[in-house]
PDB file of N, CA and C in Angstrom:
ATOM      1  N   MET A   1     -52.798  -3.321  13.556  1.00  0.00           N
ATOM      2  CA  MET A   1     -52.322  -4.542  14.160  1.00  0.00           C
ATOM      3  C   MET A   1     -53.467  -5.303  14.812  1.00  0.00           C
ATOM      4  N   VAL A   2     -54.368  -4.578  15.491  1.00  0.00           N
ATOM      5  CA  VAL A   2     -55.496  -5.227  16.160  1.00  0.00           C
ATOM      6  C   VAL A   2     -56.385  -5.927  15.136  1.00  0.00           C
ATOM      7  N   GLU A   3     -56.636  -5.265  14.015  1.00  0.00           N
ATOM      8  CA  GLU A   3     -57.491  -5.848  12.980  1.00  0.00           C
ATOM      9  C   GLU A   3     -56.900  -7.122  12.398  1.00  0.00           C
ATOM     10  N   ASN A   4     -55.587  -7.284  12.521  1.00  0.00           N
ATOM     11  CA  ASN A   4     -54.916  -8.476  12.012  1.00  0.00           C
ATOM     12  C   ASN A   4     -54.587  -9.481  13.107  1.00  0.00           C
ATOM     13  N   GLY A   5     -55.271  -9.365  14.252  1.00  0.00           N
ATOM     14  CA  GLY A   5     -55.164 -10.369  15.292  1.00  0.00           C
ATOM     15  C   GLY A   5     -54.078 -10.161  16.330  1.00  0.00           C
ATOM     16  N   HIS A   6     -53.469  -9.003  16.361  1.00  0.00           N
ATOM     17  CA  HIS A   6     -52.424  -8.726  17.350  1.00  0.00           C
ATOM     18  C   HIS A   6     -53.041  -7.998  18.542  1.00  0.00           C
ATOM     19  N   ASP A   7     -53.614  -8.779  19.452  1.00  0.00           N
ATOM     20  CA  ASP A   7     -54.330  -8.219  20.601  1.00  0.00           C
ATOM     21  C   ASP A   7     -53.438  -7.402  21.524  1.00  0.00           C
ATOM     22  N   VAL A   8     -52.129  -7.645  21.470  1.00  0.00           N
ATOM     23  CA  VAL A   8     -51.212  -6.902  22.328  1.00  0.00           C
ATOM     24  C   VAL A   8     -51.275  -5.402  22.027  1.00  0.00           C
ATOM     25  N   ALA A   9     -51.754  -5.036  20.849  1.00  0.00           N
ATOM     26  CA  ALA A   9     -51.846  -3.623  20.469  1.00  0.00           C
ATOM     27  C   ALA A   9     -53.125  -2.968  20.972  1.00  0.00           C
ATOM     28  N   ALA A  10     -54.107  -3.754  21.358  1.00  0.00           N
ATOM     29  CA  ALA A  10     -55.420  -3.208  21.739  1.00  0.00           C
ATOM     30  C   ALA A  10     -55.358  -2.205  22.898  1.00  0.00           C
ATOM     31  N   PRO A  11     -54.595  -2.470  23.965  1.00  0.00           N
ATOM     32  CA  PRO A  11     -54.611  -1.520  25.073  1.00  0.00           C
ATOM     33  C   PRO A  11     -53.653  -0.334  24.892  1.00  0.00           C
ATOM     34  N   ILE A  12     -53.047  -0.199  23.720  1.00  0.00           N
ATOM     35  CA  ILE A  12     -52.052   0.851  23.492  1.00  0.00           C
ATOM     36  C   ILE A  12     -52.701   2.006  22.729  1.00  0.00           C
ATOM     37  N   PRO A  13     -53.027   3.095  23.429  1.00  0.00           N
ATOM     38  CA  PRO A  13     -53.659   4.231  22.749  1.00  0.00           C
ATOM     39  C   PRO A  13     -52.645   5.018  21.911  1.00  0.00           C
ATOM     40  N   SER A  14     -53.154   5.719  20.914  1.00  0.00           N
ATOM     41  CA  SER A  14     -52.272   6.497  20.042  1.00  0.00           C
ATOM     42  C   SER A  14     -51.513   7.566  20.819  1.00  0.00           C
ATOM     43  N   TYR A  15     -52.129   8.112  21.869  1.00  0.00           N
ATOM     44  CA  TYR A  15     -51.438   9.120  22.678  1.00  0.00           C
ATOM     45  C   TYR A  15     -50.187   8.520  23.328  1.00  0.00           C
ATOM     46  N   LEU A  16     -50.263   7.287  23.761  1.00  0.00           N
ATOM     47  CA  LEU A  16     -49.105   6.627  24.349  1.00  0.00           C
ATOM     48  C   LEU A  16     -48.003   6.463  23.306  1.00  0.00           C
ATOM     49  N   ILE A  17     -48.362   6.064  22.103  1.00  0.00           N
ATOM     50  CA  ILE A  17     -47.361   5.928  21.040  1.00  0.00           C
ATOM     51  C   ILE A  17     -46.710   7.281  20.769  1.00  0.00           C
ATOM     52  N   GLU A  18     -47.501   8.324  20.737  1.00  0.00           N
ATOM     53  CA  GLU A  18     -46.972   9.673  20.541  1.00  0.00           C
ATOM     54  C   GLU A  18     -45.986  10.026  21.664  1.00  0.00           C
ATOM     55  N   CYS A  19     -46.335   9.723  22.895  1.00  0.00           N
ATOM     56  CA  CYS A  19     -45.454  10.001  24.035  1.00  0.00           C
ATOM     57  C   CYS A  19     -44.172   9.188  23.952  1.00  0.00           C
ATOM     58  N   LEU A  20     -44.278   7.936  23.551  1.00  0.00           N
ATOM     59  CA  LEU A  20     -43.089   7.098  23.417  1.00  0.00           C
ATOM     60  C   LEU A  20     -42.131   7.698  22.400  1.00  0.00           C
ATOM     61  N   VAL A  21     -42.648   8.060  21.240  1.00  0.00           N
ATOM     62  CA  VAL A  21     -41.795   8.632  20.192  1.00  0.00           C
ATOM     63  C   VAL A  21     -41.187   9.951  20.663  1.00  0.00           C
ATOM     64  N   TRP A  22     -41.920  10.712  21.448  1.00  0.00           N
ATOM     65  CA  TRP A  22     -41.409  11.974  21.985  1.00  0.00           C
ATOM     66  C   TRP A  22     -40.191  11.744  22.871  1.00  0.00           C
ATOM     67  N   ASN A  23     -40.091  10.579  23.491  1.00  0.00           N
ATOM     68  CA  ASN A  23     -38.972  10.252  24.368  1.00  0.00           C
ATOM     69  C   ASN A  23     -37.775   9.634  23.628  1.00  0.00           C
ATOM     70  N   VAL A  24     -37.889   9.447  22.345  1.00  0.00           N
ATOM     71  CA  VAL A  24     -36.772   8.933  21.543  1.00  0.00           C
ATOM     72  C   VAL A  24     -35.809  10.094  21.270  1.00  0.00           C
ATOM     73  N   PRO A  25     -34.519   9.887  21.490  1.00  0.00           N
ATOM     74  CA  PRO A  25     -33.556  10.966  21.224  1.00  0.00           C
ATOM     75  C   PRO A  25     -33.564  11.403  19.752  1.00  0.00           C
ATOM     76  N   ASP A  26     -33.358  12.679  19.529  1.00  0.00           N
ATOM     77  CA  ASP A  26     -33.364  13.232  18.171  1.00  0.00           C
ATOM     78  C   ASP A  26     -32.373  12.529  17.251  1.00  0.00           C
ATOM     79  N   ALA A  27     -31.266  12.072  17.804  1.00  0.00           N
ATOM     80  CA  ALA A  27     -30.238  11.409  16.996  1.00  0.00           C
ATOM     81  C   ALA A  27     -30.743  10.129  16.338  1.00  0.00           C
ATOM     82  N   ARG A  28     -31.845   9.588  16.824  1.00  0.00           N
ATOM     83  CA  ARG A  28     -32.421   8.368  16.258  1.00  0.00           C
ATOM     84  C   ARG A  28     -33.223   8.639  14.989  1.00  0.00           C
ATOM     85  N   PHE A  29     -33.385   9.898  14.642  1.00  0.00           N
ATOM     86  CA  PHE A  29     -34.146  10.283  13.451  1.00  0.00           C
ATOM     87  C   PHE A  29     -33.206  10.886  12.410  1.00  0.00           C
ATOM     88  N   GLY A  30     -33.659  10.950  11.184  1.00  0.00           N
ATOM     89  CA  GLY A  30     -32.851  11.534  10.115  1.00  0.00           C
ATOM     90  C   GLY A  30     -32.249  10.500   9.191  1.00  0.00           C
ATOM     91  N   GLY A  31     -32.813   9.299   9.217  1.00  0.00           N
ATOM     92  CA  GLY A  31     -32.342   8.246   8.312  1.00  0.00           C
ATOM     93  C   GLY A  31     -32.678   8.581   6.868  1.00  0.00           C
ATOM     94  N   ASN A  32     -32.160   7.790   5.965  1.00  0.00           N
ATOM     95  CA  ASN A  32     -32.407   8.023   4.542  1.00  0.00           C
ATOM     96  C   ASN A  32     -33.868   7.810   4.165  1.00  0.00           C
ATOM     97  N   GLU A  33     -34.533   6.923   4.892  1.00  0.00           N
ATOM     98  CA  GLU A  33     -35.936   6.620   4.615  1.00  0.00           C
ATOM     99  C   GLU A  33     -36.717   6.629   5.922  1.00  0.00           C
ATOM    100  N   PHE A  34     -38.019   6.882   5.817  1.00  0.00           N
ATOM    101  CA  PHE A  34     -38.890   6.880   6.985  1.00  0.00           C
ATOM    102  C   PHE A  34     -38.794   5.554   7.712  1.00  0.00           C
ATOM    103  N   ARG A  35     -38.688   4.472   6.959  1.00  0.00           N
ATOM    104  CA  ARG A  35     -38.582   3.124   7.537  1.00  0.00           C
ATOM    105  C   ARG A  35     -37.357   3.022   8.462  1.00  0.00           C
ATOM    106  N   ASP A  36     -36.265   3.677   8.093  1.00  0.00           N
ATOM    107  CA  ASP A  36     -35.062   3.675   8.931  1.00  0.00           C
ATOM    108  C   ASP A  36     -35.331   4.328  10.276  1.00  0.00           C
ATOM    109  N   ASP A  37     -36.070   5.432  10.259  1.00  0.00           N
ATOM    110  CA  ASP A  37     -36.393   6.133  11.505  1.00  0.00           C
ATOM    111  C   ASP A  37     -37.327   5.302  12.381  1.00  0.00           C
ATOM    112  N   VAL A  38     -38.305   4.653  11.767  1.00  0.00           N
ATOM    113  CA  VAL A  38     -39.236   3.805  12.519  1.00  0.00           C
ATOM    114  C   VAL A  38     -38.473   2.650  13.152  1.00  0.00           C
ATOM    115  N   ARG A  39     -37.616   2.035  12.381  1.00  0.00           N
ATOM    116  CA  ARG A  39     -36.821   0.913  12.895  1.00  0.00           C
ATOM    117  C   ARG A  39     -35.952   1.355  14.074  1.00  0.00           C
ATOM    118  N   SER A  40     -35.291   2.484  13.922  1.00  0.00           N
ATOM    119  CA  SER A  40     -34.420   2.994  14.980  1.00  0.00           C
ATOM    120  C   SER A  40     -35.207   3.344  16.236  1.00  0.00           C
ATOM    121  N   ALA A  41     -36.367   3.971  16.067  1.00  0.00           N
ATOM    122  CA  ALA A  41     -37.195   4.363  17.215  1.00  0.00           C
ATOM    123  C   ALA A  41     -37.719   3.134  17.951  1.00  0.00           C
ATOM    124  N   ILE A  42     -38.240   2.160  17.215  1.00  0.00           N
ATOM    125  CA  ILE A  42     -38.768   0.954  17.869  1.00  0.00           C
ATOM    126  C   ILE A  42     -37.655   0.209  18.591  1.00  0.00           C
ATOM    127  N   ALA A  43     -36.507   0.085  17.964  1.00  0.00           N
ATOM    128  CA  ALA A  43     -35.385  -0.616  18.605  1.00  0.00           C
ATOM    129  C   ALA A  43     -34.981   0.083  19.899  1.00  0.00           C
ATOM    130  N   PHE A  44     -34.875   1.400  19.866  1.00  0.00           N
ATOM    131  CA  PHE A  44     -34.519   2.157  21.061  1.00  0.00           C
ATOM    132  C   PHE A  44     -35.566   1.974  22.150  1.00  0.00           C
ATOM    133  N   LEU A  45     -36.827   2.141  21.791  1.00  0.00           N
ATOM    134  CA  LEU A  45     -37.906   2.053  22.776  1.00  0.00           C
ATOM    135  C   LEU A  45     -37.997   0.660  23.382  1.00  0.00           C
ATOM    136  N   TRP A  46     -37.871  -0.363  22.551  1.00  0.00           N
ATOM    137  CA  TRP A  46     -37.941  -1.733  23.067  1.00  0.00           C
ATOM    138  C   TRP A  46     -36.832  -1.966  24.081  1.00  0.00           C
ATOM    139  N   LYS A  47     -35.608  -1.604  23.721  1.00  0.00           N
ATOM    140  CA  LYS A  47     -34.469  -1.828  24.627  1.00  0.00           C
ATOM    141  C   LYS A  47     -34.648  -1.054  25.930  1.00  0.00           C
ATOM    142  N   GLU A  48     -35.083   0.177  25.848  1.00  0.00           N
ATOM    143  CA  GLU A  48     -35.201   1.023  27.029  1.00  0.00           C
ATOM    144  C   GLU A  48     -36.373   0.626  27.925  1.00  0.00           C
ATOM    145  N   THR A  49     -37.363  -0.070  27.389  1.00  0.00           N
ATOM    146  CA  THR A  49     -38.515  -0.487  28.195  1.00  0.00           C
ATOM    147  C   THR A  49     -38.381  -1.917  28.720  1.00  0.00           C
ATOM    148  N   LEU A  50     -37.211  -2.501  28.577  1.00  0.00           N
ATOM    149  CA  LEU A  50     -36.987  -3.836  29.145  1.00  0.00           C
ATOM    150  C   LEU A  50     -37.030  -3.807  30.670  1.00  0.00           C
ATOM    151  N   SER A  51     -36.653  -2.665  31.259  1.00  0.00           N
ATOM    152  CA  SER A  51     -36.677  -2.530  32.719  1.00  0.00           C
ATOM    153  C   SER A  51     -37.124  -1.119  33.091  1.00  0.00           C
ATOM    154  N   ASP A  52     -37.497  -0.954  34.340  1.00  0.00           N
ATOM    155  CA  ASP A  52     -37.957   0.357  34.811  1.00  0.00           C
ATOM    156  C   ASP A  52     -36.854   1.411  34.824  1.00  0.00           C
ATOM    157  N   GLY A  53     -35.624   0.979  35.024  1.00  0.00           N
ATOM    158  CA  GLY A  53     -34.523   1.914  35.206  1.00  0.00           C
ATOM    159  C   GLY A  53     -34.313   2.888  34.062  1.00  0.00           C
ATOM    160  N   ALA A  54     -34.344   2.398  32.844  1.00  0.00           N
ATOM    161  CA  ALA A  54     -34.018   3.246  31.703  1.00  0.00           C
ATOM    162  C   ALA A  54     -35.139   4.199  31.305  1.00  0.00           C
ATOM    163  N   CYS A  55     -36.370   3.848  31.614  1.00  0.00           N
ATOM    164  CA  CYS A  55     -37.500   4.663  31.160  1.00  0.00           C
ATOM    165  C   CYS A  55     -38.346   5.196  32.321  1.00  0.00           C
ATOM    166  N   GLY A  56     -37.877   5.012  33.537  1.00  0.00           N
ATOM    167  CA  GLY A  56     -38.654   5.389  34.711  1.00  0.00           C
ATOM    168  C   GLY A  56     -38.964   6.864  34.834  1.00  0.00           C
ATOM    169  N   ASP A  57     -38.146   7.701  34.204  1.00  0.00           N
ATOM    170  CA  ASP A  57     -38.391   9.139  34.311  1.00  0.00           C
ATOM    171  C   ASP A  57     -38.932   9.742  33.018  1.00  0.00           C
ATOM    172  N   TRP A  58     -39.343   8.904  32.079  1.00  0.00           N
ATOM    173  CA  TRP A  58     -39.938   9.422  30.852  1.00  0.00           C
ATOM    174  C   TRP A  58     -41.262  10.085  31.181  1.00  0.00           C
ATOM    175  N   GLY A  59     -41.563  11.146  30.471  1.00  0.00           N
ATOM    176  CA  GLY A  59     -42.799  11.863  30.713  1.00  0.00           C
ATOM    177  C   GLY A  59     -43.724  11.854  29.518  1.00  0.00           C
ATOM    178  N   GLU A  60     -44.963  12.232  29.797  1.00  0.00           N
ATOM    179  CA  GLU A  60     -45.911  12.463  28.721  1.00  0.00           C
ATOM    180  C   GLU A  60     -45.494  13.736  27.988  1.00  0.00           C
ATOM    181  N   ILE A  61     -46.003  13.933  26.809  1.00  0.00           N
ATOM    182  CA  ILE A  61     -45.651  15.105  26.008  1.00  0.00           C
ATOM    183  C   ILE A  61     -45.986  16.396  26.737  1.00  0.00           C
ATOM    184  N   ASN A  62     -47.049  16.396  27.502  1.00  0.00           N
ATOM    185  CA  ASN A  62     -47.463  17.619  28.209  1.00  0.00           C
ATOM    186  C   ASN A  62     -46.626  17.881  29.456  1.00  0.00           C
ATOM    187  N   ASP A  63     -45.726  16.970  29.792  1.00  0.00           N
ATOM    188  CA  ASP A  63     -44.853  17.090  30.970  1.00  0.00           C
ATOM    189  C   ASP A  63     -45.619  17.213  32.288  1.00  0.00           C
ATOM    190  N   LEU A  64     -46.835  16.699  32.323  1.00  0.00           N
ATOM    191  CA  LEU A  64     -47.621  16.740  33.546  1.00  0.00           C
ATOM    192  C   LEU A  64     -47.542  15.439  34.335  1.00  0.00           C
ATOM    193  N   LYS A  65     -47.265  14.334  33.637  1.00  0.00           N
ATOM    194  CA  LYS A  65     -47.202  13.036  34.307  1.00  0.00           C
ATOM    195  C   LYS A  65     -46.039  12.229  33.752  1.00  0.00           C
ATOM    196  N   TYR A  66     -45.544  11.336  34.609  1.00  0.00           N
ATOM    197  CA  TYR A  66     -44.563  10.367  34.138  1.00  0.00           C
ATOM    198  C   TYR A  66     -45.286   9.283  33.356  1.00  0.00           C
ATOM    199  N   LEU A  67     -44.622   8.754  32.371  1.00  0.00           N
ATOM    200  CA  LEU A  67     -45.250   7.793  31.470  1.00  0.00           C
ATOM    201  C   LEU A  67     -45.563   6.450  32.124  1.00  0.00           C
ATOM    202  N   PHE A  68     -44.737   6.012  33.053  1.00  0.00           N
ATOM    203  CA  PHE A  68     -44.922   4.675  33.622  1.00  0.00           C
ATOM    204  C   PHE A  68     -45.131   4.663  35.125  1.00  0.00           C
ATOM    205  N   TRP A  69     -45.516   5.733  35.713  1.00  0.00           N
ATOM    206  CA  TRP A  69     -45.759   5.757  37.156  1.00  0.00           C
ATOM    207  C   TRP A  69     -47.180   5.293  37.454  1.00  0.00           C
ATOM    208  N   ASP A  70     -47.466   5.055  38.722  1.00  0.00           N
ATOM    209  CA  ASP A  70     -48.797   4.609  39.146  1.00  0.00           C
ATOM    210  C   ASP A  70     -49.880   5.539  38.614  1.00  0.00           C
ATOM    211  N   GLY A  71     -50.998   4.955  38.313  1.00  0.00           N
ATOM    212  CA  GLY A  71     -52.141   5.727  37.850  1.00  0.00           C
ATOM    213  C   GLY A  71     -52.297   5.738  36.335  1.00  0.00           C
ATOM    214  N   GLN A  72     -51.304   5.267  35.623  1.00  0.00           N
ATOM    215  CA  GLN A  72     -51.420   5.213  34.166  1.00  0.00           C
ATOM    216  C   GLN A  72     -52.196   3.947  33.773  1.00  0.00           C
ATOM    217  N   PRO A  73     -52.984   4.021  32.700  1.00  0.00           N
ATOM    218  CA  PRO A  73     -53.767   2.845  32.297  1.00  0.00           C
ATOM    219  C   PRO A  73     -52.958   1.803  31.519  1.00  0.00           C
ATOM    220  N   TRP A  74     -51.651   1.964  31.441  1.00  0.00           N
ATOM    221  CA  TRP A  74     -50.778   1.029  30.748  1.00  0.00           C
ATOM    222  C   TRP A  74     -49.564   0.754  31.633  1.00  0.00           C
ATOM    223  N   SER A  75     -48.814  -0.262  31.285  1.00  0.00           N
ATOM    224  CA  SER A  75     -47.604  -0.585  32.039  1.00  0.00           C
ATOM    225  C   SER A  75     -46.401  -0.628  31.094  1.00  0.00           C
ATOM    226  N   ARG A  76     -45.242  -0.553  31.676  1.00  0.00           N
ATOM    227  CA  ARG A  76     -44.009  -0.652  30.907  1.00  0.00           C
ATOM    228  C   ARG A  76     -43.939  -2.005  30.206  1.00  0.00           C
ATOM    229  N   ASP A  77     -44.338  -3.056  30.900  1.00  0.00           N
ATOM    230  CA  ASP A  77     -44.314  -4.400  30.324  1.00  0.00           C
ATOM    231  C   ASP A  77     -45.244  -4.504  29.112  1.00  0.00           C
ATOM    232  N   GLN A  78     -46.438  -3.924  29.207  1.00  0.00           N
ATOM    233  CA  GLN A  78     -47.366  -3.922  28.058  1.00  0.00           C
ATOM    234  C   GLN A  78     -46.730  -3.214  26.868  1.00  0.00           C
ATOM    235  N   VAL A  79     -46.098  -2.085  27.133  1.00  0.00           N
ATOM    236  CA  VAL A  79     -45.465  -1.317  26.065  1.00  0.00           C
ATOM    237  C   VAL A  79     -44.339  -2.116  25.432  1.00  0.00           C
ATOM    238  N   ASN A  80     -43.521  -2.766  26.249  1.00  0.00           N
ATOM    239  CA  ASN A  80     -42.413  -3.556  25.727  1.00  0.00           C
ATOM    240  C   ASN A  80     -42.918  -4.679  24.835  1.00  0.00           C
ATOM    241  N   LYS A  81     -43.969  -5.355  25.248  1.00  0.00           N
ATOM    242  CA  LYS A  81     -44.549  -6.433  24.431  1.00  0.00           C
ATOM    243  C   LYS A  81     -45.149  -5.887  23.138  1.00  0.00           C
ATOM    244  N   PHE A  82     -45.780  -4.722  23.224  1.00  0.00           N
ATOM    245  CA  PHE A  82     -46.323  -4.081  22.020  1.00  0.00           C
ATOM    246  C   PHE A  82     -45.205  -3.745  21.038  1.00  0.00           C
ATOM    247  N   LEU A  83     -44.105  -3.187  21.528  1.00  0.00           N
ATOM    248  CA  LEU A  83     -42.989  -2.815  20.664  1.00  0.00           C
ATOM    249  C   LEU A  83     -42.386  -4.040  19.987  1.00  0.00           C
ATOM    250  N   TYR A  84     -42.276  -5.127  20.708  1.00  0.00           N
ATOM    251  CA  TYR A  84     -41.777  -6.374  20.124  1.00  0.00           C
ATOM    252  C   TYR A  84     -42.710  -6.853  19.004  1.00  0.00           C
ATOM    253  N   ALA A  85     -44.008  -6.799  19.282  1.00  0.00           N
ATOM    254  CA  ALA A  85     -44.996  -7.220  18.280  1.00  0.00           C
ATOM    255  C   ALA A  85     -44.980  -6.281  17.073  1.00  0.00           C
ATOM    256  N   ALA A  86     -44.835  -4.984  17.307  1.00  0.00           N
ATOM    257  CA  ALA A  86     -44.795  -4.011  16.208  1.00  0.00           C
ATOM    258  C   ALA A  86     -43.577  -4.263  15.324  1.00  0.00           C
ATOM    259  N   TRP A  87     -42.431  -4.527  15.951  1.00  0.00           N
ATOM    260  CA  TRP A  87     -41.204  -4.830  15.210  1.00  0.00           C
ATOM    261  C   TRP A  87     -41.438  -6.006  14.263  1.00  0.00           C
ATOM    262  N   ASN A  88     -42.028  -7.064  14.788  1.00  0.00           N
ATOM    263  CA  ASN A  88     -42.285  -8.253  13.976  1.00  0.00           C
ATOM    264  C   ASN A  88     -43.381  -8.020  12.949  1.00  0.00           C
ATOM    265  N   TYR A  89     -44.389  -7.251  13.315  1.00  0.00           N
ATOM    266  CA  TYR A  89     -45.506  -6.963  12.410  1.00  0.00           C
ATOM    267  C   TYR A  89     -45.013  -6.211  11.172  1.00  0.00           C
ATOM    268  N   ILE A  90     -44.135  -5.250  11.402  1.00  0.00           N
ATOM    269  CA  ILE A  90     -43.602  -4.458  10.285  1.00  0.00           C
ATOM    270  C   ILE A  90     -42.687  -5.312   9.423  1.00  0.00           C
ATOM    271  N   GLY A  91     -42.050  -6.299  10.019  1.00  0.00           N
ATOM    272  CA  GLY A  91     -41.192  -7.199   9.254  1.00  0.00           C
ATOM    273  C   GLY A  91     -39.716  -6.901   9.379  1.00  0.00           C
ATOM    274  N   PHE A  92     -39.336  -6.193  10.442  1.00  0.00           N
ATOM    275  CA  PHE A  92     -37.924  -5.932  10.668  1.00  0.00           C
ATOM    276  C   PHE A  92     -37.236  -7.209  11.125  1.00  0.00           C
ATOM    277  N   LYS A  93     -35.968  -7.300  10.843  1.00  0.00           N
ATOM    278  CA  LYS A  93     -35.182  -8.461  11.270  1.00  0.00           C
ATOM    279  C   LYS A  93     -34.007  -8.005  12.080  1.00  0.00           C
TER     280      LYS A  93
END
């Protein structure tokens, strides 16, 4: 995304994406195609990161830190904007 001019993706490390997907409920996976699972995961993550309430207790994969608490190099708002851009970049409607 960054190589194609989507600067909103630049501050989003792969570890953060991994942590986000780890917080997606298992029921969101198992679609007929990989694209279905990606669509479902992005939709869930975008909706849940609209406010602090729904994702405030999400943790990193290692369960040592909360994903959006003070001290993290990213914010919930940055993640939400990235997810919106990713949705559009992939071409979902």
